[in-house]
Protein backbone atom coordinates (compact mmCIF):
# COMPACT_ATOMS: atom_id res chain seq x y z
CA MET A 1 34.73 -4.63 21.14
CA ASP A 2 36.70 -2.65 18.64
CA ALA A 3 35.39 0.50 17.05
CA GLN A 4 35.19 -0.79 13.47
CA TYR A 5 33.11 -3.90 14.60
CA LYS A 6 30.84 -1.58 16.70
CA GLU A 7 30.20 0.74 13.75
CA GLY A 8 29.38 -2.17 11.48
CA LEU A 9 26.96 -3.51 14.03
CA ILE A 10 25.28 -0.16 14.40
CA ILE A 11 24.97 0.33 10.65
CA SER A 12 23.54 -3.19 10.27
CA LEU A 13 20.96 -2.77 12.98
CA SER A 14 19.98 0.69 11.66
CA ALA A 15 19.45 -0.80 8.20
CA LEU A 16 17.34 -3.58 9.66
CA ALA A 17 15.20 -1.07 11.58
CA ALA A 18 14.72 1.14 8.42
CA GLY A 19 13.77 -1.90 6.36
CA THR A 20 11.14 -2.88 8.92
CA PHE A 21 9.63 0.60 8.94
CA ILE A 22 9.57 0.57 5.09
CA TYR A 23 8.02 -2.86 4.97
CA VAL A 24 5.29 -1.96 7.50
CA THR A 25 4.56 1.36 5.79
CA PHE A 26 4.25 0.05 2.21
CA PHE A 27 2.84 -3.47 2.69
CA GLU A 28 0.66 -3.04 5.73
CA VAL A 29 -0.54 0.51 6.11
CA ILE A 30 -0.71 1.80 2.49
CA ALA A 31 -2.07 -1.45 1.12
CA THR A 32 -5.11 -1.32 3.45
CA GLU A 33 -5.59 2.42 2.79
CA ARG A 34 -5.86 1.88 -0.93
CA VAL A 35 -9.04 -0.22 -0.67
CA ASN A 36 -11.24 2.48 0.91
CA GLU A 37 -13.77 4.79 -0.73
CA TYR A 38 -11.40 7.73 -1.15
CA SER A 39 -9.64 8.67 -4.39
CA ASN A 40 -6.52 6.65 -4.96
CA LEU A 41 -5.00 9.54 -6.95
CA ALA A 42 -5.51 11.95 -4.04
CA GLN A 43 -3.97 9.39 -1.61
CA LEU A 44 -0.96 8.97 -3.92
CA ALA A 45 -0.54 12.74 -4.15
CA ALA A 46 -0.60 13.05 -0.37
CA ILE A 47 1.97 10.23 -0.01
CA ILE A 48 4.22 11.87 -2.52
CA ALA A 49 3.78 15.31 -0.87
CA GLY A 50 4.59 13.89 2.54
CA PHE A 51 7.64 12.01 1.34
CA SER A 52 8.89 15.09 -0.53
CA THR A 53 8.45 17.26 2.55
CA VAL A 54 10.54 14.90 4.70
CA ALA A 55 13.19 14.62 1.99
CA ALA A 56 13.37 18.39 1.63
CA PHE A 57 13.89 18.85 5.38
CA GLN A 58 16.62 16.24 5.32
CA LEU A 59 18.35 18.02 2.38
CA ILE A 60 18.11 21.35 4.14
CA GLU A 61 19.68 19.86 7.28
CA ILE A 62 22.50 18.42 5.20
CA ILE A 63 23.10 21.73 3.39
CA ILE A 64 23.09 23.74 6.71
CA ASP A 65 25.53 21.37 8.37
């Protein structure tokens, strides 16, 4: 198996895995969490805060490297 084919396969499978996680997160977990008795605005703020925290850590890692 040549290196270019192997890299393409790894990228494709990584994209498939990421898409699966995104689907499960947004269409299964968050959808069921929105129909409970808690404030939807507070839940949205927590989701945005969590996403922003992870994104900030990723950016810091990129900057340091």
